[in-house]
Each structure stands twice: as structure tokens, then as C-alpha cells.
N, C-alpha and C. Protein backbone atom coordinates (compact mmCIF):
# COMPACT_ATOMS: atom_id res chain seq x y z
N UNK A 1 245.74 -50.66 108.85
CA UNK A 1 246.04 -49.67 109.85
C UNK A 1 246.63 -48.45 109.16
N UNK A 2 246.01 -47.29 109.37
CA UNK A 2 246.49 -46.08 108.72
C UNK A 2 247.25 -45.21 109.71
N UNK A 3 248.32 -44.66 109.22
CA UNK A 3 249.13 -43.76 110.03
C UNK A 3 249.04 -42.36 109.45
N UNK A 4 249.08 -41.39 110.32
CA UNK A 4 249.08 -40.00 109.87
C UNK A 4 250.53 -39.62 109.57
N UNK A 5 250.74 -38.99 108.44
CA UNK A 5 252.09 -38.66 108.01
C UNK A 5 252.53 -37.30 108.54
N UNK A 6 253.82 -37.06 108.42
CA UNK A 6 254.39 -35.79 108.86
C UNK A 6 253.81 -34.63 108.06
N UNK A 7 253.58 -34.83 106.77
CA UNK A 7 253.02 -33.79 105.93
C UNK A 7 251.58 -33.45 106.35
N UNK A 8 250.82 -34.45 106.73
CA UNK A 8 249.45 -34.20 107.18
C UNK A 8 249.44 -33.44 108.51
N UNK A 9 250.34 -33.79 109.40
CA UNK A 9 250.45 -33.05 110.66
C UNK A 9 250.85 -31.60 110.38
N UNK A 10 251.78 -31.40 109.45
CA UNK A 10 252.19 -30.06 109.07
C UNK A 10 251.04 -29.24 108.52
N UNK A 11 250.20 -29.87 107.70
CA UNK A 11 249.05 -29.18 107.14
C UNK A 11 248.07 -28.76 108.23
N UNK A 12 247.83 -29.63 109.19
CA UNK A 12 246.93 -29.31 110.29
C UNK A 12 247.50 -28.16 111.13
N UNK A 13 248.80 -28.19 111.39
CA UNK A 13 249.44 -27.13 112.17
C UNK A 13 249.37 -25.79 111.43
N UNK A 14 249.55 -25.82 110.10
CA UNK A 14 249.44 -24.59 109.32
C UNK A 14 248.02 -24.04 109.38
N UNK A 15 247.02 -24.90 109.29
CA UNK A 15 245.62 -24.45 109.36
C UNK A 15 245.30 -23.83 110.72
N UNK A 16 245.78 -24.44 111.80
CA UNK A 16 245.56 -23.89 113.13
C UNK A 16 246.28 -22.54 113.26
N UNK A 17 247.48 -22.43 112.72
CA UNK A 17 248.22 -21.17 112.76
C UNK A 17 247.53 -20.08 111.97
N UNK A 18 246.95 -20.45 110.82
CA UNK A 18 246.23 -19.48 110.00
C UNK A 18 244.99 -18.98 110.73
N UNK A 19 244.27 -19.87 111.38
CA UNK A 19 243.10 -19.45 112.16
C UNK A 19 243.52 -18.55 113.32
N UNK A 20 244.65 -18.86 113.93
CA UNK A 20 245.17 -18.02 115.01
C UNK A 20 245.50 -16.62 114.51
N UNK A 21 246.09 -16.53 113.32
CA UNK A 21 246.39 -15.22 112.74
C UNK A 21 245.11 -14.45 112.43
N UNK A 22 244.11 -15.15 111.94
CA UNK A 22 242.86 -14.48 111.61
C UNK A 22 242.16 -13.92 112.85
N UNK A 23 242.20 -14.66 113.93
CA UNK A 23 241.52 -14.22 115.15
C UNK A 23 242.36 -13.25 115.98
N UNK A 24 243.59 -12.99 115.57
CA UNK A 24 244.43 -12.06 116.33
C UNK A 24 244.13 -10.60 115.99
N UNK A 25 243.35 -10.35 114.94
CA UNK A 25 243.00 -8.99 114.55
C UNK A 25 241.67 -8.60 115.18
N UNK A 26 241.66 -7.50 115.88
CA UNK A 26 240.43 -6.98 116.51
C UNK A 26 240.10 -5.63 115.88
N UNK A 27 238.86 -5.44 115.44
CA UNK A 27 238.44 -4.16 114.88
C UNK A 27 237.24 -3.65 115.65
N UNK A 28 237.25 -2.37 115.92
CA UNK A 28 236.14 -1.70 116.61
C UNK A 28 235.72 -0.50 115.77
N UNK A 29 234.44 -0.39 115.50
CA UNK A 29 233.93 0.75 114.75
C UNK A 29 233.90 1.97 115.67
N UNK A 30 234.20 3.12 115.11
CA UNK A 30 234.20 4.33 115.92
C UNK A 30 232.77 4.76 116.23
N UNK A 31 231.86 4.51 115.30
CA UNK A 31 230.48 4.91 115.48
C UNK A 31 229.57 3.70 115.48
N UNK A 32 228.49 3.80 116.21
CA UNK A 32 227.48 2.76 116.23
C UNK A 32 226.65 2.84 114.94
N UNK A 33 226.15 1.72 114.49
CA UNK A 33 225.34 1.68 113.26
C UNK A 33 224.09 2.55 113.38
N UNK A 34 223.51 2.62 114.55
CA UNK A 34 222.31 3.44 114.76
C UNK A 34 222.60 4.92 114.54
N UNK A 35 223.74 5.37 115.00
CA UNK A 35 224.11 6.78 114.85
C UNK A 35 224.28 7.12 113.37
N UNK A 36 224.91 6.21 112.62
CA UNK A 36 225.11 6.47 111.19
C UNK A 36 223.79 6.54 110.44
N UNK A 37 222.82 5.71 110.82
CA UNK A 37 221.52 5.74 110.15
C UNK A 37 220.72 6.97 110.52
N UNK A 38 220.93 7.50 111.72
CA UNK A 38 220.23 8.72 112.13
C UNK A 38 220.74 9.93 111.34
N UNK A 39 222.02 9.92 110.99
CA UNK A 39 222.60 11.06 110.26
C UNK A 39 221.98 11.14 108.86
N UNK A 40 222.02 10.06 108.12
CA UNK A 40 221.44 10.03 106.77
C UNK A 40 221.07 8.58 106.47
N UNK A 41 219.79 8.22 106.63
CA UNK A 41 219.39 6.82 106.48
C UNK A 41 219.51 6.28 105.06
N UNK A 42 219.53 7.17 104.05
CA UNK A 42 219.58 6.70 102.67
C UNK A 42 221.00 6.35 102.21
N UNK A 43 221.99 6.94 102.82
CA UNK A 43 223.38 6.71 102.41
C UNK A 43 224.04 5.67 103.31
N UNK A 44 224.94 4.95 102.71
CA UNK A 44 225.79 4.08 103.51
C UNK A 44 227.06 4.87 103.78
N UNK A 45 227.18 5.36 104.99
CA UNK A 45 228.31 6.22 105.34
C UNK A 45 229.51 5.40 105.76
N UNK A 46 230.66 5.93 105.45
CA UNK A 46 231.91 5.30 105.85
C UNK A 46 232.19 5.63 107.31
N UNK A 47 232.51 4.63 108.09
CA UNK A 47 232.82 4.84 109.50
C UNK A 47 234.25 4.39 109.77
N UNK A 48 235.09 5.27 110.31
CA UNK A 48 236.45 4.86 110.62
C UNK A 48 236.46 3.79 111.71
N UNK A 49 237.45 2.94 111.65
CA UNK A 49 237.55 1.86 112.63
C UNK A 49 238.89 1.93 113.34
N UNK A 50 238.93 1.25 114.46
CA UNK A 50 240.17 1.11 115.22
C UNK A 50 240.58 -0.34 115.12
N UNK A 51 241.82 -0.59 114.75
CA UNK A 51 242.32 -1.95 114.58
C UNK A 51 243.42 -2.21 115.60
N UNK A 52 243.35 -3.38 116.21
CA UNK A 52 244.37 -3.77 117.18
C UNK A 52 244.77 -5.22 116.91
N UNK A 53 246.01 -5.53 117.22
CA UNK A 53 246.51 -6.89 117.06
C UNK A 53 246.78 -7.47 118.44
N UNK A 54 246.27 -8.67 118.69
CA UNK A 54 246.57 -9.40 119.92
C UNK A 54 247.92 -10.07 119.70
N UNK A 55 248.95 -9.48 120.29
CA UNK A 55 250.33 -9.89 119.98
C UNK A 55 250.63 -11.37 120.27
N UNK A 56 250.27 -11.93 121.44
CA UNK A 56 250.61 -13.34 121.67
C UNK A 56 249.93 -14.29 120.66
N UNK A 57 248.69 -13.99 120.31
CA UNK A 57 247.98 -14.81 119.35
C UNK A 57 248.61 -14.67 117.96
N UNK A 58 249.02 -13.47 117.61
CA UNK A 58 249.65 -13.21 116.31
C UNK A 58 250.98 -13.96 116.19
N UNK A 59 251.85 -13.80 117.20
CA UNK A 59 253.16 -14.45 117.14
C UNK A 59 253.03 -15.97 117.24
N UNK A 60 252.07 -16.43 118.03
CA UNK A 60 251.83 -17.87 118.11
C UNK A 60 251.39 -18.43 116.76
N UNK A 61 250.54 -17.69 116.07
CA UNK A 61 250.11 -18.12 114.74
C UNK A 61 251.26 -18.16 113.75
N UNK A 62 252.14 -17.15 113.81
CA UNK A 62 253.31 -17.16 112.92
C UNK A 62 254.23 -18.35 113.21
N UNK A 63 254.41 -18.65 114.48
CA UNK A 63 255.26 -19.80 114.85
C UNK A 63 254.63 -21.10 114.36
N UNK A 64 253.31 -21.25 114.53
CA UNK A 64 252.64 -22.46 114.08
C UNK A 64 252.73 -22.62 112.56
N UNK A 65 252.55 -21.53 111.83
CA UNK A 65 252.66 -21.60 110.36
C UNK A 65 254.08 -21.98 109.97
N UNK A 66 255.08 -21.44 110.65
CA UNK A 66 256.47 -21.78 110.34
C UNK A 66 256.77 -23.25 110.62
N UNK A 67 256.33 -23.75 111.77
CA UNK A 67 256.56 -25.15 112.12
C UNK A 67 255.83 -26.06 111.14
N UNK A 68 254.58 -25.72 110.83
CA UNK A 68 253.81 -26.53 109.89
C UNK A 68 254.43 -26.56 108.52
N UNK A 69 254.97 -25.44 108.09
CA UNK A 69 255.65 -25.40 106.78
C UNK A 69 256.90 -26.27 106.79
N UNK A 70 257.66 -26.22 107.87
CA UNK A 70 258.86 -27.03 107.98
C UNK A 70 258.52 -28.54 108.00
N UNK A 71 257.39 -28.89 108.60
CA UNK A 71 256.99 -30.30 108.65
C UNK A 71 256.56 -30.84 107.29
N UNK A 72 256.16 -29.98 106.39
CA UNK A 72 255.69 -30.44 105.09
C UNK A 72 256.81 -30.74 104.11
N UNK A 73 258.04 -30.40 104.43
CA UNK A 73 259.16 -30.69 103.52
C UNK A 73 259.54 -32.13 103.59
């Protein structure tokens, strides 16, 4: 009979928290890809982006990473 240890639970919680942090970032391009290709199809033009953070998901991820780290000690 195998039991899951506290360290393994902590690792799983840290992984879930890390995924939560990754998905809390939202980026939107200012220009559509079609518009950039119409301007100059041969060049890869730089397009500014808008970045936003989903605050509840971000803070939840930080809390999960903190709890998971504490469980691994």
C-alpha cells in the first residue's frame, strides 16, 4: 500500500500554482497580423502589445506556490 507524502503534495500544489501564474497573464496585439503583412509583406514588423494581469488568478497562484513550498520542508 503506497501513501502519498507531504512533499509530493507540496510539489503538486507548486505545479498547479505555477500553471495558475502562467495563465494569469493576458496579452493582446495592437495590430492584426493581416494588417502588418499588408504594410510590408517581406518584413517581420514589430507590433506593440497590451499586457494585463488577472489579479485573482495571479494572487491565487502565488498563494499556492507559497503553500506548496512550505509543504516540501
